[in-house]
Protein backbone atom coordinates (compact mmCIF):
# COMPACT_ATOMS: atom_id res chain seq x y z
CA MET A 1 -15.73 4.29 -23.61
CA PRO A 2 -16.36 0.54 -23.22
CA LYS A 3 -17.28 -0.58 -19.72
CA LYS A 4 -14.17 -2.79 -19.36
CA LYS A 5 -11.85 0.16 -20.10
CA ARG A 6 -13.62 2.31 -17.51
CA GLU A 7 -13.31 -0.45 -14.91
CA ASN A 8 -9.58 -0.79 -15.60
CA LEU A 9 -9.16 2.96 -15.46
CA SER A 10 -10.85 3.20 -12.08
CA VAL A 11 -8.75 0.30 -10.77
CA ALA A 12 -5.62 2.07 -12.02
CA GLN A 13 -6.74 5.31 -10.37
CA GLU A 14 -7.48 3.49 -7.12
CA ILE A 15 -4.04 1.87 -7.19
CA ASP A 16 -2.43 5.26 -7.90
CA GLY A 17 -4.27 6.78 -4.94
CA LEU A 18 -3.13 3.99 -2.64
CA GLU A 19 0.46 4.35 -3.86
CA GLU A 20 0.33 8.10 -3.16
CA LYS A 21 -0.93 7.44 0.39
CA LEU A 22 1.79 4.83 0.88
CA SER A 23 4.47 7.22 -0.38
CA LEU A 24 3.30 10.00 1.95
CA CYS A 25 3.16 7.58 4.86
CA ARG A 26 6.72 6.40 4.17
CA ARG A 27 7.99 9.99 3.95
CA ASN A 28 6.34 10.86 7.26
CA LEU A 29 7.79 7.72 8.81
CA GLU A 30 11.28 8.63 7.62
CA GLU A 31 10.96 12.17 9.01
CA LEU A 32 9.76 10.76 12.31
CA ASN A 33 12.70 8.33 12.45
CA ILE A 34 15.09 11.23 11.88
CA ARG A 35 13.49 13.17 14.74
CA LEU A 36 13.75 10.16 17.03
CA ARG A 37 17.45 9.74 16.25
CA ARG A 38 18.57 13.37 16.30
CA GLU A 39 16.48 15.21 18.85
CA GLU A 40 16.80 15.08 22.58
CA LEU A 41 13.29 14.27 23.76
CA SER A 42 11.59 13.95 27.09
CA PRO A 43 10.38 10.43 27.90
CA GLU A 44 6.78 11.52 27.23
CA ALA A 45 7.65 13.07 23.87
CA ARG A 46 9.65 9.98 22.89
CA ARG A 47 6.70 7.72 23.80
CA ALA A 48 4.35 9.90 21.76
CA LEU A 49 6.65 9.75 18.73
CA GLU A 50 7.08 5.99 19.14
CA LYS A 51 3.30 5.62 19.23
CA GLU A 52 2.99 7.75 16.08
CA LYS A 53 5.73 5.65 14.46
CA ASN A 54 3.80 2.46 15.24
CA ASN A 55 0.64 3.97 13.77
CA LEU A 56 2.44 5.04 10.59
CA THR A 57 4.10 1.64 10.26
CA SER A 58 0.71 -0.03 10.61
CA LYS A 59 -0.84 2.30 8.03
CA ALA A 60 2.02 1.69 5.58
CA SER A 61 1.62 -2.05 5.95
CA SER A 62 -2.12 -1.75 5.39
CA TYR A 63 -1.63 0.38 2.26
CA GLU A 64 0.93 -2.11 0.90
CA LYS A 65 -1.46 -5.03 1.39
CA GLU A 66 -4.41 -3.14 -0.06
CA THR A 67 -2.41 -2.02 -3.10
CA GLU A 68 -1.17 -5.55 -3.79
CA ALA A 69 -4.69 -6.95 -3.33
CA GLN A 70 -6.05 -4.42 -5.84
CA ARG A 71 -3.38 -5.44 -8.33
CA ILE A 72 -4.03 -9.15 -7.87
CA PHE A 73 -7.81 -9.00 -7.93
CA SER A 74 -8.01 -6.52 -10.78
CA GLY A 75 -7.60 -9.45 -13.14
CA ASN A 76 -5.26 -7.39 -15.27
CA PRO A 77 -1.69 -8.75 -15.28
CA ARG A 78 -0.20 -5.34 -16.09
CA PHE A 79 -1.11 -4.18 -12.58
CA HIS A 80 0.76 -7.07 -10.95
CA THR A 81 4.13 -6.40 -9.39
CA HIS A 82 5.06 -10.03 -8.89
CA LYS A 83 5.41 -13.20 -10.87
CA VAL A 84 2.33 -15.39 -10.98
CA HIS A 85 1.75 -16.70 -7.49
CA ARG A 86 -0.48 -19.56 -6.48
CA CYS A 87 -3.21 -17.07 -5.63
CA CYS A 88 -3.19 -15.64 -9.16
CA ARG A 89 -3.22 -19.06 -10.76
CA SER A 90 -6.19 -20.15 -8.65
CA HIS A 91 -8.10 -16.93 -9.48
CA SER A 92 -7.45 -17.36 -13.19
CA ARG A 93 -8.62 -20.98 -13.01
CA ALA A 94 -11.79 -19.90 -11.22
CA ARG A 95 -12.52 -17.35 -13.97
CA GLU A 96 -12.00 -19.97 -16.66
CA ASN A 97 -14.59 -22.34 -15.13
């Protein structure tokens, strides 16, 4: 298999892995939100769940940024989820020079 194809395959696999982590994180966050709304909790338990919620929210945000960065910097437009932004135009210009 040509080197370029292998590189694209590994980028695609890395993106898939990040998307799986993001999906799991979002599911856990939704379950936690349901528990916070429905259950009667002690103040300590509520604080612990709120802390966990903040951690999951932070992780989800991190996974979203990392996934988008992988798509942008892969150099392969099929991985992009957005229209061409300034960042993509500047990267493509840098590659052309």
